[in-house]
Amino acid sequence: MKKGAYGIVYQEIMRSPDLPGNAKLIYAYLASFAGKEDECYPSVETICAELNMSKTTMYKYMNALVDCGVIEKKQTYVGNIKSRVIYRITHEINKNVGFPKKSETEKITCSDSENLGFREIGISTDSETNINNINNNNKRGNRRFTPPTLEDVKAYCQERNNQVDPERFLDFYSAKGWMIGKNKMKDWKAAVRTWERKDATRQQEPTKLSPEERQRRREEERRREEQEQREWEEAYHKRQEERAKLPYDPNMPFR
């Protein structure tokens, strides 16, 4: 009998009193897809169908995992069109973040909750607790990288009055999983400033280039970016296939 791929879940998450049962169920489900690479991308429809959940329920508890730092969601794009959502499992829980009260989550509709996981939401209704938690997080230096929205990038580019194309910037790094080389991006504003300097360098190039030469260079740059995106996607799919071939080990706990 074929048992399929498997993943690892951590006792700290499964036994945490801060997470409700449905959140732990989604965590374990994603871990079974992710394997040792800690990334997977099942569709919302697949998750809801296989866990027998409504979209509203799934978004509610998925957002709980995102808010507590257990899951990171990355929206990818093909051109300007949204593609798959990649879920990265950190296996770490921020205990300073409280799960929303029932009275608060009951007010969330499916259409409202669909986008909540891509941004930070309130951590506690007590203002003094909020301030203490924020200060504690800053002291620890444990701030997680959160991909910016298109509006964030537009606002920052306008603030610096540069010529960086916000949509192109967002599409480029979304396709690369917000990686710079082999490392996870830590500061997207620094990346914008780097693009700004590159644009300034290009503008300083001799103006004697013919329109055909400028077009040729733009085409080369576009092809290079497309090639980088294809290589990243091929490497990602290859890792997924390799994980699916791993033998099942019944001695490994919580698989």
Protein backbone atom coordinates (compact mmCIF):
# COMPACT_ATOMS: atom_id res chain seq x y z
CA MET A 1 0.00 0.00 0.00
CA LYS A 2 1.41 3.37 -0.99
CA LYS A 3 1.58 5.67 2.01
CA GLY A 4 2.67 8.82 0.14
CA ALA A 5 4.78 11.67 1.45
CA TYR A 6 4.92 12.76 5.06
CA GLY A 7 5.92 15.72 7.21
CA ILE A 8 6.99 16.47 10.75
CA VAL A 9 4.92 18.32 13.34
CA TYR A 10 6.32 19.73 16.55
CA GLN A 11 4.94 18.95 19.99
CA GLU A 12 5.32 22.60 21.01
CA ILE A 13 2.70 23.51 18.41
CA MET A 14 0.40 20.50 18.84
CA ARG A 15 0.33 20.84 22.64
CA SER A 16 0.12 24.62 22.75
CA PRO A 17 -2.88 25.90 24.75
CA ASP A 18 -2.75 29.10 22.68
CA LEU A 19 -3.97 27.42 19.48
CA PRO A 20 -7.44 25.91 18.97
CA GLY A 21 -7.84 22.39 17.62
CA ASN A 22 -8.74 23.41 14.06
CA ALA A 23 -5.59 25.55 13.81
CA LYS A 24 -3.50 22.55 14.88
CA LEU A 25 -5.33 20.41 12.32
CA ILE A 26 -4.42 22.80 9.49
CA TYR A 27 -0.82 22.96 10.76
CA ALA A 28 -0.49 19.16 10.73
CA TYR A 29 -2.16 18.97 7.30
CA LEU A 30 0.26 21.48 5.75
CA ALA A 31 3.21 19.76 7.43
CA SER A 32 2.23 16.48 5.74
CA PHE A 33 2.60 18.22 2.36
CA ALA A 34 5.70 20.22 3.21
CA GLY A 35 8.13 17.48 4.28
CA LYS A 36 11.60 18.59 5.36
CA GLU A 37 11.61 21.70 3.16
CA ASP A 38 8.80 23.28 5.25
CA GLU A 39 6.99 24.70 2.18
CA CYS A 40 3.88 23.60 0.32
CA TYR A 41 1.12 25.13 -1.79
CA PRO A 42 -2.20 23.23 -1.65
CA SER A 43 -5.11 25.31 -2.91
CA VAL A 44 -7.78 26.68 -0.60
CA GLU A 45 -10.31 24.40 -2.27
CA THR A 46 -8.14 21.33 -1.61
CA ILE A 47 -7.59 22.23 2.04
CA CYS A 48 -11.30 22.85 2.64
CA ALA A 49 -12.38 19.68 0.83
CA GLU A 50 -9.93 17.33 2.54
CA LEU A 51 -10.39 18.82 6.02
CA ASN A 52 -14.17 19.17 5.55
CA MET A 53 -14.07 22.89 6.43
CA SER A 54 -15.84 25.90 5.03
CA LYS A 55 -13.67 28.67 3.60
CA THR A 56 -14.66 30.97 6.45
CA THR A 57 -13.54 28.41 9.04
CA MET A 58 -10.34 27.62 7.16
CA TYR A 59 -9.35 31.30 6.80
CA LYS A 60 -10.16 31.96 10.46
CA TYR A 61 -7.82 29.27 11.79
CA MET A 62 -5.20 29.74 9.07
CA ASN A 63 -4.97 33.39 10.11
CA ALA A 64 -4.50 32.27 13.72
CA LEU A 65 -1.44 30.30 12.61
CA VAL A 66 -0.12 33.28 10.64
CA ASP A 67 -0.68 35.68 13.54
CA CYS A 68 1.16 33.37 15.93
CA GLY A 69 4.08 32.99 13.51
CA VAL A 70 3.59 29.26 12.89
CA ILE A 71 2.79 29.77 9.18
CA GLU A 72 4.01 32.36 6.68
CA LYS A 73 1.97 32.97 3.51
CA LYS A 74 3.61 34.12 0.28
CA GLN A 75 1.51 35.21 -2.70
CA THR A 76 3.22 34.47 -6.02
CA TYR A 77 2.46 36.10 -9.35
CA VAL A 78 2.75 35.25 -13.03
CA GLY A 79 3.10 38.66 -14.59
CA ASN A 80 0.43 40.77 -12.91
CA ILE A 81 -1.86 37.80 -12.27
CA LYS A 82 -1.99 36.14 -8.86
CA SER A 83 -0.72 32.57 -8.89
CA ARG A 84 -0.43 30.05 -6.07
CA VAL A 85 -0.05 30.85 -2.37
CA ILE A 86 3.00 29.19 -0.82
CA TYR A 87 2.77 28.25 2.84
CA ARG A 88 6.06 28.19 4.77
CA ILE A 89 5.98 26.39 8.13
CA THR A 90 8.26 27.92 10.76
CA HIS A 91 7.40 25.40 13.52
CA GLU A 92 7.72 28.33 15.95
CA ILE A 93 4.97 30.02 17.92
CA ASN A 94 4.96 33.57 19.22
CA LYS A 95 3.36 33.18 22.62
CA ASN A 96 2.93 36.94 23.01
CA VAL A 97 0.25 36.90 20.32
CA GLY A 98 -3.21 36.00 21.54
CA PHE A 99 -5.79 34.16 19.44
CA PRO A 100 -8.78 36.46 18.69
CA LYS A 101 -11.76 36.07 20.95
CA LYS A 102 -14.83 34.24 19.66
CA SER A 103 -16.90 37.40 19.70
CA GLU A 104 -14.36 39.04 17.39
CA THR A 105 -13.89 36.18 14.93
CA GLU A 106 -17.64 35.59 14.54
CA LYS A 107 -17.84 38.98 12.80
CA ILE A 108 -15.34 37.96 10.09
CA THR A 109 -16.91 36.90 6.79
CA CYS A 110 -15.28 34.71 4.16
CA SER A 111 -14.59 37.65 1.86
CA ASP A 112 -13.04 39.67 4.70
CA SER A 113 -10.92 36.84 6.06
CA GLU A 114 -9.47 35.85 2.70
CA ASN A 115 -6.81 38.57 2.85
CA LEU A 116 -6.12 38.70 6.58
CA GLY A 117 -3.24 36.23 6.50
CA PHE A 118 -1.13 38.56 4.35
CA ARG A 119 -0.92 41.34 6.93
CA GLU A 120 -0.56 41.82 10.66
CA ILE A 121 -3.73 42.15 12.74
CA GLY A 122 -4.26 43.16 16.38
CA ILE A 123 -2.69 41.00 19.07
CA SER A 124 -4.66 41.98 22.16
CA THR A 125 -7.43 44.38 23.03
CA ASP A 126 -5.58 45.60 26.11
CA SER A 127 -3.54 48.66 25.11
CA GLU A 128 -0.99 48.26 27.90
CA THR A 129 -0.43 44.62 26.97
CA ASN A 130 0.00 45.60 23.33
CA ILE A 131 2.71 48.13 24.18
CA ASN A 132 4.55 45.64 26.40
CA ASN A 133 4.41 42.91 23.76
CA ILE A 134 5.66 45.23 21.02
CA ASN A 135 8.52 46.45 23.22
CA ASN A 136 9.44 42.88 24.17
CA ASN A 137 9.47 41.79 20.53
CA ASN A 138 11.68 44.72 19.56
CA LYS A 139 14.12 43.93 22.38
CA ARG A 140 14.39 40.32 21.30
CA GLY A 141 14.99 41.32 17.69
CA ASN A 142 12.64 38.54 16.52
CA ARG A 143 10.72 40.56 13.97
CA ARG A 144 9.73 38.38 11.05
CA PHE A 145 9.94 39.56 7.49
CA THR A 146 6.52 40.40 6.06
CA PRO A 147 6.28 40.90 2.29
CA PRO A 148 4.98 44.38 1.41
CA THR A 149 1.77 45.08 -0.45
CA LEU A 150 1.72 46.93 -3.75
CA GLU A 151 0.46 50.00 -1.87
CA ASP A 152 3.42 49.79 0.54
CA VAL A 153 5.92 49.76 -2.32
CA LYS A 154 4.14 52.57 -4.18
CA ALA A 155 4.10 54.75 -1.06
CA TYR A 156 7.80 54.17 -0.37
CA CYS A 157 8.79 54.89 -3.98
CA GLN A 158 6.75 58.09 -3.92
CA GLU A 159 8.38 59.06 -0.62
CA ARG A 160 11.85 58.66 -2.19
CA ASN A 161 10.70 60.14 -5.50
CA ASN A 162 12.51 57.44 -7.48
CA GLN A 163 11.77 55.79 -10.81
CA VAL A 164 11.36 52.22 -9.50
CA ASP A 165 8.30 50.45 -10.92
CA PRO A 166 6.42 49.12 -7.82
CA GLU A 167 4.51 46.44 -9.75
CA ARG A 168 7.66 45.14 -11.43
CA PHE A 169 9.51 45.12 -8.10
CA LEU A 170 6.67 43.19 -6.38
CA ASP A 171 6.28 40.69 -9.23
CA PHE A 172 10.02 40.05 -9.40
CA TYR A 173 10.51 39.18 -5.72
CA SER A 174 7.15 37.42 -5.33
CA ALA A 175 8.21 35.02 -8.09
CA LYS A 176 11.53 34.42 -6.29
CA GLY A 177 9.82 33.73 -2.95
CA TRP A 178 11.25 36.98 -1.52
CA MET A 179 14.74 35.50 -1.68
CA ILE A 180 17.96 37.36 -2.49
CA GLY A 181 20.29 34.72 -3.82
CA LYS A 182 20.05 31.87 -1.31
CA ASN A 183 19.01 34.06 1.61
CA LYS A 184 15.60 35.23 2.77
CA MET A 185 15.02 38.94 2.28
CA LYS A 186 15.19 40.90 5.54
CA ASP A 187 14.43 44.47 4.44
CA TRP A 188 12.37 45.13 1.30
CA LYS A 189 13.00 48.88 1.57
CA ALA A 190 16.72 48.25 1.25
CA ALA A 191 15.97 46.24 -1.91
CA VAL A 192 14.00 49.18 -3.29
CA ARG A 193 16.97 51.47 -2.64
CA THR A 194 19.23 49.01 -4.46
CA TRP A 195 16.93 49.08 -7.48
CA GLU A 196 16.94 52.87 -7.21
CA ARG A 197 20.75 52.97 -7.43
CA LYS A 198 20.75 50.57 -10.38
CA ASP A 199 18.24 52.76 -12.22
CA ALA A 200 20.41 55.80 -11.53
CA THR A 201 23.43 53.95 -12.98
CA ARG A 202 21.47 53.04 -16.11
CA GLN A 203 20.46 56.66 -16.57
CA GLN A 204 24.12 57.67 -16.48
CA GLU A 205 24.94 55.42 -19.44
CA PRO A 206 25.81 57.18 -22.71
CA THR A 207 22.75 58.63 -24.37
CA LYS A 208 24.12 57.70 -27.79
CA LEU A 209 22.51 54.29 -27.65
CA SER A 210 20.14 53.78 -30.52
CA PRO A 211 16.48 52.95 -29.83
CA GLU A 212 17.16 49.44 -31.15
CA GLU A 213 20.03 48.95 -28.69
CA ARG A 214 17.96 50.17 -25.76
CA GLN A 215 15.16 47.81 -26.79
CA ARG A 216 17.63 44.94 -27.09
CA ARG A 217 18.94 45.56 -23.57
CA ARG A 218 15.43 45.70 -22.15
CA GLU A 219 14.61 42.41 -23.84
CA GLU A 220 17.77 40.82 -22.43
CA GLU A 221 16.90 41.97 -18.94
CA ARG A 222 13.34 40.67 -19.30
CA ARG A 223 14.58 37.27 -20.53
CA ARG A 224 17.07 37.09 -17.67
CA GLU A 225 14.34 37.73 -15.10
CA GLU A 226 12.06 35.15 -16.72
CA GLN A 227 14.89 32.61 -16.71
CA GLU A 228 15.53 33.23 -12.99
CA GLN A 229 11.85 32.72 -12.28
CA ARG A 230 11.74 29.47 -14.29
CA GLU A 231 14.84 28.14 -12.51
CA TRP A 232 13.33 28.90 -9.12
CA GLU A 233 10.05 27.17 -10.01
CA GLU A 234 11.85 24.12 -11.46
CA ALA A 235 14.00 23.79 -8.33
CA TYR A 236 10.92 24.08 -6.12
CA HIS A 237 9.00 21.38 -8.05
CA LYS A 238 12.07 19.13 -8.01
CA ARG A 239 12.27 19.38 -4.21
CA GLN A 240 8.58 18.50 -3.96
CA GLU A 241 9.08 15.41 -6.15
CA GLU A 242 12.10 14.29 -4.13
CA ARG A 243 10.15 14.60 -0.88
CA ALA A 244 7.33 12.50 -2.29
CA LYS A 245 9.84 9.67 -2.96
CA LEU A 246 11.17 9.56 0.61
CA PRO A 247 10.42 6.22 2.36
CA TYR A 248 7.90 6.17 5.18
CA ASP A 249 9.47 5.76 8.62
CA PRO A 250 6.94 4.67 11.29
CA ASN A 251 9.45 5.44 14.06
CA MET A 252 9.45 9.13 13.29
CA PRO A 253 7.00 10.78 15.77
CA PHE A 254 4.07 12.92 14.66
CA ARG A 255 4.20 12.09 10.95
